[in-house]
């Protein structure tokens, strides 16, 4: 394969801000639905709101990332 054979191949790169978020809980509040968690990514500082239905269950996102 020569250089001219590969010239037309373009690599698809992820956006610069794309990464695996590492969420840290800023505050939590007990509600009738479960525990509402206000979380922030320790790397990019985006924020999100999660809901944890039971203390042993993983939280699920209620909102999109806001940064």
N, C-alpha and C. Protein backbone atom coordinates (compact mmCIF):
# COMPACT_ATOMS: atom_id res chain seq x y z
N UNK A 1 0.86 -1.18 0.00
CA UNK A 1 0.00 0.00 0.00
C UNK A 1 0.89 1.23 0.00
N UNK A 2 0.57 2.15 -0.84
CA UNK A 2 1.37 3.37 -0.95
C UNK A 2 0.68 4.52 -0.21
N UNK A 3 1.37 5.61 -0.06
CA UNK A 3 0.81 6.77 0.63
C UNK A 3 -0.41 7.31 -0.10
N UNK A 4 -0.42 7.21 -1.43
CA UNK A 4 -1.58 7.71 -2.18
C UNK A 4 -2.82 6.86 -1.95
N UNK A 5 -2.63 5.58 -1.59
CA UNK A 5 -3.77 4.71 -1.31
C UNK A 5 -4.47 5.11 -0.01
N UNK A 6 -3.74 5.67 0.92
CA UNK A 6 -4.30 6.00 2.23
C UNK A 6 -4.63 7.47 2.39
N UNK A 7 -4.32 8.28 1.41
CA UNK A 7 -4.58 9.72 1.53
C UNK A 7 -6.06 10.04 1.71
N UNK A 8 -6.94 9.25 1.12
CA UNK A 8 -8.36 9.55 1.20
C UNK A 8 -9.01 9.08 2.50
N UNK A 9 -8.28 8.34 3.31
CA UNK A 9 -8.84 7.84 4.57
C UNK A 9 -8.77 8.96 5.60
N UNK A 10 -9.92 9.34 6.11
CA UNK A 10 -9.92 10.37 7.15
C UNK A 10 -10.32 9.72 8.47
N UNK A 11 -9.61 10.05 9.51
CA UNK A 11 -9.90 9.49 10.82
C UNK A 11 -10.98 10.31 11.49
N UNK A 12 -11.88 9.62 12.16
CA UNK A 12 -12.93 10.30 12.90
C UNK A 12 -12.46 10.44 14.34
N UNK A 13 -12.35 11.67 14.78
CA UNK A 13 -11.90 11.94 16.14
C UNK A 13 -13.08 12.40 16.98
N UNK A 14 -13.07 12.00 18.24
CA UNK A 14 -14.09 12.46 19.17
C UNK A 14 -13.86 13.93 19.47
N UNK A 15 -14.92 14.66 19.80
CA UNK A 15 -14.73 16.06 20.18
C UNK A 15 -13.74 16.18 21.33
N UNK A 16 -13.08 17.29 21.42
CA UNK A 16 -12.04 17.49 22.45
C UNK A 16 -12.59 17.34 23.86
N UNK A 17 -13.85 17.68 24.08
CA UNK A 17 -14.41 17.63 25.43
C UNK A 17 -14.98 16.27 25.79
N UNK A 18 -15.01 15.31 24.85
CA UNK A 18 -15.58 14.00 25.14
C UNK A 18 -14.65 13.22 26.06
N UNK A 19 -15.17 12.76 27.16
CA UNK A 19 -14.41 11.91 28.08
C UNK A 19 -15.38 11.19 29.00
N UNK A 20 -14.87 10.24 29.73
CA UNK A 20 -15.66 9.52 30.73
C UNK A 20 -15.74 10.43 31.96
N UNK A 21 -16.95 10.85 32.32
CA UNK A 21 -17.11 11.73 33.47
C UNK A 21 -16.82 10.98 34.77
N UNK A 22 -16.23 11.66 35.70
CA UNK A 22 -16.00 11.15 37.05
C UNK A 22 -16.84 12.01 37.98
N UNK A 23 -18.07 11.56 38.26
CA UNK A 23 -19.02 12.37 39.01
C UNK A 23 -18.71 12.37 40.49
N UNK A 24 -18.76 13.54 41.07
CA UNK A 24 -18.57 13.73 42.51
C UNK A 24 -19.83 14.42 43.04
N UNK A 25 -20.35 13.92 44.16
CA UNK A 25 -21.59 14.47 44.73
C UNK A 25 -21.29 15.78 45.45
N UNK A 26 -21.99 16.84 45.04
CA UNK A 26 -21.84 18.14 45.72
C UNK A 26 -22.83 18.26 46.86
N UNK A 27 -24.06 17.75 46.64
CA UNK A 27 -25.05 17.74 47.72
C UNK A 27 -26.09 16.68 47.41
N UNK A 28 -26.81 16.28 48.43
CA UNK A 28 -27.86 15.27 48.30
C UNK A 28 -29.03 15.65 49.18
N UNK A 29 -30.24 15.30 48.71
CA UNK A 29 -31.45 15.64 49.45
C UNK A 29 -32.44 14.50 49.36
N UNK A 30 -32.96 14.08 50.50
CA UNK A 30 -33.97 13.03 50.55
C UNK A 30 -35.31 13.61 50.08
N UNK A 31 -35.98 12.92 49.17
CA UNK A 31 -37.31 13.31 48.70
C UNK A 31 -38.23 12.11 48.79
N UNK A 32 -39.49 12.30 48.48
CA UNK A 32 -40.44 11.18 48.50
C UNK A 32 -40.14 10.16 47.39
N UNK A 33 -39.42 10.58 46.34
CA UNK A 33 -39.07 9.69 45.22
C UNK A 33 -37.76 8.94 45.48
N UNK A 34 -36.93 9.44 46.36
CA UNK A 34 -35.61 8.86 46.62
C UNK A 34 -34.64 9.97 46.96
N UNK A 35 -33.38 9.73 46.73
CA UNK A 35 -32.34 10.72 47.04
C UNK A 35 -31.96 11.45 45.76
N UNK A 36 -32.10 12.78 45.77
CA UNK A 36 -31.68 13.61 44.64
C UNK A 36 -30.22 14.00 44.88
N UNK A 37 -29.38 13.73 43.87
CA UNK A 37 -27.95 14.01 43.97
C UNK A 37 -27.57 15.10 42.97
N UNK A 38 -26.89 16.12 43.44
CA UNK A 38 -26.35 17.16 42.57
C UNK A 38 -24.87 16.82 42.41
N UNK A 39 -24.48 16.46 41.18
CA UNK A 39 -23.12 15.96 40.96
C UNK A 39 -22.37 16.86 39.98
N UNK A 40 -21.04 16.82 40.07
CA UNK A 40 -20.17 17.60 39.19
C UNK A 40 -19.00 16.72 38.77
N UNK A 41 -18.63 16.81 37.50
CA UNK A 41 -17.48 16.07 36.98
C UNK A 41 -16.20 16.71 37.53
N UNK A 42 -15.33 15.90 38.10
CA UNK A 42 -14.11 16.43 38.70
C UNK A 42 -13.12 16.91 37.64
N UNK A 43 -13.28 16.48 36.39
CA UNK A 43 -12.36 16.88 35.34
C UNK A 43 -12.84 18.13 34.60
N UNK A 44 -14.03 18.06 33.99
CA UNK A 44 -14.49 19.17 33.14
C UNK A 44 -15.45 20.11 33.86
N UNK A 45 -15.85 19.79 35.07
CA UNK A 45 -16.72 20.62 35.91
C UNK A 45 -18.17 20.70 35.43
N UNK A 46 -18.58 19.85 34.47
CA UNK A 46 -19.99 19.78 34.08
C UNK A 46 -20.81 19.33 35.28
N UNK A 47 -22.07 19.72 35.29
CA UNK A 47 -22.97 19.34 36.39
C UNK A 47 -24.13 18.52 35.86
N UNK A 48 -24.75 17.74 36.76
CA UNK A 48 -25.90 16.92 36.41
C UNK A 48 -26.69 16.65 37.69
N UNK A 49 -27.97 16.32 37.52
CA UNK A 49 -28.81 15.94 38.65
C UNK A 49 -29.19 14.48 38.47
N UNK A 50 -28.98 13.69 39.53
CA UNK A 50 -29.28 12.26 39.52
C UNK A 50 -30.34 11.94 40.55
N UNK A 51 -30.99 10.80 40.38
CA UNK A 51 -31.95 10.29 41.36
C UNK A 51 -31.54 8.88 41.74
N UNK A 52 -31.45 8.62 43.03
CA UNK A 52 -31.14 7.29 43.55
C UNK A 52 -32.39 6.80 44.27
N UNK A 53 -33.05 5.80 43.69
CA UNK A 53 -34.32 5.33 44.24
C UNK A 53 -34.17 4.59 45.56
N UNK A 54 -33.04 3.92 45.75
CA UNK A 54 -32.78 3.15 46.97
C UNK A 54 -31.29 3.27 47.28
N UNK A 55 -30.91 3.31 48.57
CA UNK A 55 -29.49 3.49 48.91
C UNK A 55 -28.55 2.46 48.28
N UNK A 56 -29.04 1.25 48.01
CA UNK A 56 -28.17 0.23 47.40
C UNK A 56 -28.27 0.19 45.87
N UNK A 57 -29.13 1.02 45.30
CA UNK A 57 -29.29 1.08 43.84
C UNK A 57 -28.39 2.16 43.25
N UNK A 58 -27.91 1.97 42.04
CA UNK A 58 -27.11 3.03 41.41
C UNK A 58 -28.00 4.22 41.02
N UNK A 59 -27.48 5.43 41.09
CA UNK A 59 -28.28 6.59 40.67
C UNK A 59 -28.47 6.61 39.16
N UNK A 60 -29.54 7.28 38.73
CA UNK A 60 -29.75 7.47 37.29
C UNK A 60 -29.89 8.96 37.03
N UNK A 61 -29.48 9.37 35.85
CA UNK A 61 -29.47 10.79 35.50
C UNK A 61 -30.91 11.30 35.31
N UNK A 62 -31.21 12.44 35.91
CA UNK A 62 -32.48 13.13 35.69
C UNK A 62 -32.32 14.25 34.68
N UNK A 63 -31.10 14.71 34.51
CA UNK A 63 -30.84 15.82 33.58
C UNK A 63 -29.66 15.48 32.69
N UNK A 64 -29.45 16.31 31.67
CA UNK A 64 -28.26 16.18 30.82
C UNK A 64 -27.11 16.93 31.49
N UNK A 65 -25.91 16.68 30.98
CA UNK A 65 -24.75 17.43 31.49
C UNK A 65 -24.88 18.89 31.11
N UNK A 66 -24.60 19.75 32.05
CA UNK A 66 -24.63 21.19 31.82
C UNK A 66 -23.26 21.73 32.15
N UNK A 67 -22.64 22.37 31.19
CA UNK A 67 -21.28 22.83 31.43
C UNK A 67 -21.04 24.17 30.97
